[in-house]
Protein backbone atom coordinates (compact mmCIF):
# COMPACT_ATOMS: atom_id res chain seq x y z
CA UNK A 1 21.83 221.68 165.42
CA UNK A 2 24.80 220.39 163.30
CA UNK A 3 24.46 216.82 162.05
CA UNK A 4 26.76 214.41 163.65
CA UNK A 5 29.27 213.02 161.08
CA UNK A 6 29.90 209.26 161.00
CA UNK A 7 33.10 208.00 162.22
CA UNK A 8 33.68 206.14 159.02
CA UNK A 9 31.95 206.62 155.54
CA UNK A 10 32.80 204.71 152.62
CA UNK A 11 31.44 205.01 149.04
CA UNK A 12 33.49 203.36 146.50
CA UNK A 13 33.25 201.87 143.05
CA UNK A 14 36.15 200.07 141.13
CA UNK A 15 35.87 198.03 138.07
CA UNK A 16 38.27 195.11 136.97
CA UNK A 17 37.65 192.91 133.88
CA UNK A 18 36.50 190.01 136.34
CA UNK A 19 35.41 191.81 139.25
CA UNK A 20 33.31 195.00 140.35
CA UNK A 21 33.53 196.64 143.91
CA UNK A 22 30.71 198.80 144.43
CA UNK A 23 29.93 199.40 148.06
CA UNK A 24 28.46 202.34 150.42
CA UNK A 25 28.37 202.03 154.32
CA UNK A 26 28.79 204.14 157.35
CA UNK A 27 29.73 203.18 160.87
CA UNK A 28 30.32 205.07 164.24
CA UNK A 29 31.15 202.21 166.32
CA UNK A 30 34.20 201.24 167.99
CA UNK A 31 34.96 198.02 166.11
CA UNK A 32 33.63 197.72 162.77
CA UNK A 33 34.00 194.23 160.91
CA UNK A 34 34.18 193.75 157.27
CA UNK A 35 33.00 190.06 157.21
CA UNK A 36 32.63 187.85 154.15
CA UNK A 37 34.35 185.13 152.04
CA UNK A 38 37.59 185.42 150.34
CA UNK A 39 37.37 187.47 147.39
CA UNK A 40 34.56 189.68 148.62
CA UNK A 41 36.43 192.95 148.56
CA UNK A 42 37.36 193.21 152.22
CA UNK A 43 41.06 194.01 151.77
CA UNK A 44 40.49 196.17 148.83
CA UNK A 45 38.17 198.35 151.10
CA UNK A 46 40.82 198.53 153.69
CA UNK A 47 43.50 199.59 150.94
CA UNK A 48 41.18 202.37 149.90
CA UNK A 49 40.77 203.54 153.43
CA UNK A 50 44.55 203.66 153.68
CA UNK A 51 45.03 205.34 150.57
CA UNK A 52 47.01 202.54 149.03
CA UNK A 53 44.42 202.09 146.32
CA UNK A 54 42.17 204.80 144.71
CA UNK A 55 38.70 203.94 143.45
CA UNK A 56 37.58 204.66 140.07
CA UNK A 57 34.98 207.02 141.86
CA UNK A 58 33.89 207.52 145.43
CA UNK A 59 34.10 209.38 148.75
CA UNK A 60 35.86 208.21 152.00
CA UNK A 61 35.96 210.04 155.26
CA UNK A 62 37.26 209.17 158.55
CA UNK A 63 36.32 211.20 161.85
CA UNK A 64 34.95 214.02 159.59
CA UNK A 65 38.31 214.23 157.66
CA UNK A 66 37.77 213.61 153.76
CA UNK A 67 40.36 211.34 152.64
CA UNK A 68 39.31 210.55 149.30
CA UNK A 69 36.72 212.45 147.04
CA UNK A 70 37.16 211.70 143.30
CA UNK A 71 34.49 214.26 142.38
CA UNK A 72 36.25 216.93 144.18
CA UNK A 73 39.71 215.76 143.26
CA UNK A 74 40.75 215.04 146.70
CA UNK A 75 43.25 212.17 147.67
CA UNK A 76 45.16 212.30 150.66
CA UNK A 77 48.43 210.51 150.36
CA UNK A 78 48.74 207.48 152.74
CA UNK A 79 51.47 208.83 154.94
CA UNK A 80 49.28 211.92 155.56
CA UNK A 81 46.03 209.87 156.64
CA UNK A 82 46.94 209.17 160.07
CA UNK A 83 45.77 205.45 159.67
CA UNK A 84 47.55 202.34 161.49
CA UNK A 85 47.60 199.27 159.56
CA UNK A 86 48.06 195.79 161.11
CA UNK A 87 48.70 193.14 158.73
CA UNK A 88 48.33 189.30 158.76
CA UNK A 89 52.25 188.68 158.97
CA UNK A 90 53.09 191.68 161.32
CA UNK A 91 55.66 192.94 158.74
CA UNK A 92 58.19 194.01 161.31
CA UNK A 93 61.73 195.36 160.44
CA UNK A 94 63.80 192.58 160.80
CA UNK A 95 67.04 194.61 161.35
CA UNK A 96 65.44 196.69 164.17
CA UNK A 97 64.89 195.94 167.71
CA UNK A 98 61.29 195.82 169.01
CA UNK A 99 61.87 199.11 170.69
CA UNK A 100 63.17 200.74 167.46
CA UNK A 101 60.24 199.12 165.41
CA UNK A 102 57.51 200.64 167.55
CA UNK A 103 59.43 203.99 167.77
CA UNK A 104 59.60 203.97 164.14
CA UNK A 105 55.91 204.82 163.72
CA UNK A 106 56.31 208.08 165.68
CA UNK A 107 58.44 209.62 162.85
CA UNK A 108 55.30 209.94 160.86
CA UNK A 109 53.38 211.90 163.41
CA UNK A 110 52.85 215.62 163.53
CA UNK A 111 54.43 216.67 166.91
CA UNK A 112 51.13 217.98 168.09
CA UNK A 113 49.27 214.68 167.43
CA UNK A 114 51.65 212.32 169.48
CA UNK A 115 48.89 211.55 172.04
CA UNK A 116 49.76 208.02 173.14
CA UNK A 117 52.75 207.66 175.55
CA UNK A 118 55.04 204.77 174.74
CA UNK A 119 54.96 203.62 178.41
CA UNK A 120 51.39 203.27 178.40
CA UNK A 121 51.18 201.31 174.93
CA UNK A 122 54.05 198.84 176.24
CA UNK A 123 52.35 198.21 179.36
CA UNK A 124 49.02 197.69 177.88
CA UNK A 125 50.22 195.27 175.18
CA UNK A 126 52.60 193.54 177.61
CA UNK A 127 55.81 193.82 175.44
CA UNK A 128 58.11 195.48 177.98
CA UNK A 129 60.53 192.41 178.31
CA UNK A 130 60.71 192.33 174.35
CA UNK A 131 62.14 195.85 173.68
CA UNK A 132 65.80 194.79 173.09
CA UNK A 133 64.90 191.62 171.22
CA UNK A 134 64.79 191.44 167.31
CA UNK A 135 61.69 190.04 165.31
CA UNK A 136 63.18 186.75 164.40
CA UNK A 137 63.50 185.65 168.15
CA UNK A 138 59.67 186.47 168.82
CA UNK A 139 56.80 183.99 168.87
CA UNK A 140 53.75 184.55 166.34
CA UNK A 141 51.75 186.12 169.22
CA UNK A 142 54.75 188.36 170.39
CA UNK A 143 55.02 189.77 166.78
CA UNK A 144 51.36 190.70 166.67
CA UNK A 145 51.70 192.59 169.80
CA UNK A 146 54.47 194.42 168.55
CA UNK A 147 52.71 195.20 165.33
CA UNK A 148 49.92 196.50 167.45
CA UNK A 149 52.25 198.75 169.51
CA UNK A 150 53.81 200.18 166.33
CA UNK A 151 50.23 200.91 164.83
CA UNK A 152 49.14 202.61 168.01
CA UNK A 153 52.17 204.78 168.43
CA UNK A 154 51.49 206.32 164.91
CA UNK A 155 48.63 208.28 167.11
CA UNK A 156 46.22 206.92 164.42
CA UNK A 157 42.53 208.27 163.69
CA UNK A 158 41.69 204.82 162.93
CA UNK A 159 43.15 201.28 163.08
CA UNK A 160 43.01 198.97 160.07
CA UNK A 161 43.43 195.16 160.73
CA UNK A 162 43.69 192.82 157.83
CA UNK A 163 42.95 188.98 159.04
CA UNK A 164 45.51 189.82 161.83
CA UNK A 165 44.86 186.33 163.69
CA UNK A 166 44.79 184.11 160.64
CA UNK A 167 48.24 182.84 161.22
CA UNK A 168 47.88 181.95 165.05
CA UNK A 169 46.73 179.06 166.96
CA UNK A 170 43.58 179.21 168.93
CA UNK A 171 45.41 180.25 172.22
CA UNK A 172 47.32 183.01 170.66
CA UNK A 173 44.12 184.13 168.80
CA UNK A 174 42.47 184.48 172.13
CA UNK A 175 45.21 186.46 173.52
CA UNK A 176 45.30 188.97 170.74
CA UNK A 177 41.53 189.24 170.79
CA UNK A 178 41.72 190.14 174.41
CA UNK A 179 44.45 192.87 173.61
CA UNK A 180 42.38 194.17 170.94
CA UNK A 181 39.57 194.76 173.47
CA UNK A 182 41.78 196.46 175.75
CA UNK A 183 42.96 198.92 172.84
CA UNK A 184 39.41 199.45 172.16
CA UNK A 185 38.54 200.32 175.84
CA UNK A 186 41.67 202.02 177.11
CA UNK A 187 42.85 204.09 174.08
CA UNK A 188 39.43 204.59 172.20
CA UNK A 189 41.00 204.04 169.08
CA UNK A 190 38.35 202.96 166.46
CA UNK A 191 39.05 199.82 164.50
CA UNK A 192 38.04 198.40 161.10
CA UNK A 193 38.48 194.67 161.31
CA UNK A 194 38.80 192.42 158.36
CA UNK A 195 37.98 188.65 158.85
CA UNK A 196 36.00 185.64 157.52
CA UNK A 197 35.71 184.12 161.12
CA UNK A 198 32.46 184.01 162.80
CA UNK A 199 33.87 183.85 166.27
CA UNK A 200 36.05 186.91 165.95
CA UNK A 201 33.12 188.99 164.65
CA UNK A 202 30.88 187.68 167.37
CA UNK A 203 33.42 188.58 170.03
CA UNK A 204 34.86 191.86 168.79
CA UNK A 205 32.41 193.54 166.33
CA UNK A 206 30.02 196.33 167.48
CA UNK A 207 28.97 196.89 163.74
CA UNK A 208 29.19 194.36 161.03
CA UNK A 209 29.37 195.12 157.26
CA UNK A 210 28.67 191.75 155.46
CA UNK A 211 30.23 191.67 152.12
CA UNK A 212 29.64 189.26 149.10
CA UNK A 213 31.11 189.39 145.49
CA UNK A 214 31.95 193.22 145.95
CA UNK A 215 28.55 194.17 147.45
CA UNK A 216 27.32 194.97 151.07
CA UNK A 217 24.58 192.47 151.56
CA UNK A 218 23.84 193.03 154.95
CA UNK A 219 24.87 195.54 158.02
CA UNK A 220 23.94 195.69 161.84
CA UNK A 221 25.12 194.18 165.02
CA UNK A 222 26.60 190.94 165.00
CA UNK A 223 23.54 189.23 166.17
CA UNK A 224 21.50 190.81 163.55
CA UNK A 225 23.71 189.98 160.85
CA UNK A 226 25.05 186.45 161.88
CA UNK A 227 21.82 185.51 163.92
CA UNK A 228 21.61 184.32 167.54
């Protein structure tokens, strides 16, 4: 019987004059949280998965696809990795309408990979009334919903989220966490979620990779890593 491959496998080493990132972990869970204090290497790992940064040495696979393998000289460019990325500040195009923003992601998909219908994404994220508006007219929560829609419509193998709720108040944070759970449940898109907030990890994560000073210091469920 062929051994099952993990959904996500990361081995990466990169050295700077004042910091060394040296990590290895795997996950086959729906939402994997990279958790730890600022400066522990969380966002750097996301950038390596996305292909924005190349490690000095390492190997990164997503859903059985080798994206980086320095020994084999494999490095898939970012636009060919089929990875959705949601940032802290949404990063929408200000000159485009909401509909144009979310449709923009489809340009990067192979035709045969366009699996998520626009209508289903719009309905799930509740942005139908926003489609003709421009980003400047949206609230923070609305911008994040649009950013989630755009990331989903790129038909990603995996979604990367870098502190997506850090700029929101508690009510909007709870709203977006609920939408992230719906994405997990209704679209079955795996997520790697970067945060330093314990409440977000407890609610969302099915596997936690705890980082400190560029090293993995603990892995497991939220209860195992954070305690009861």
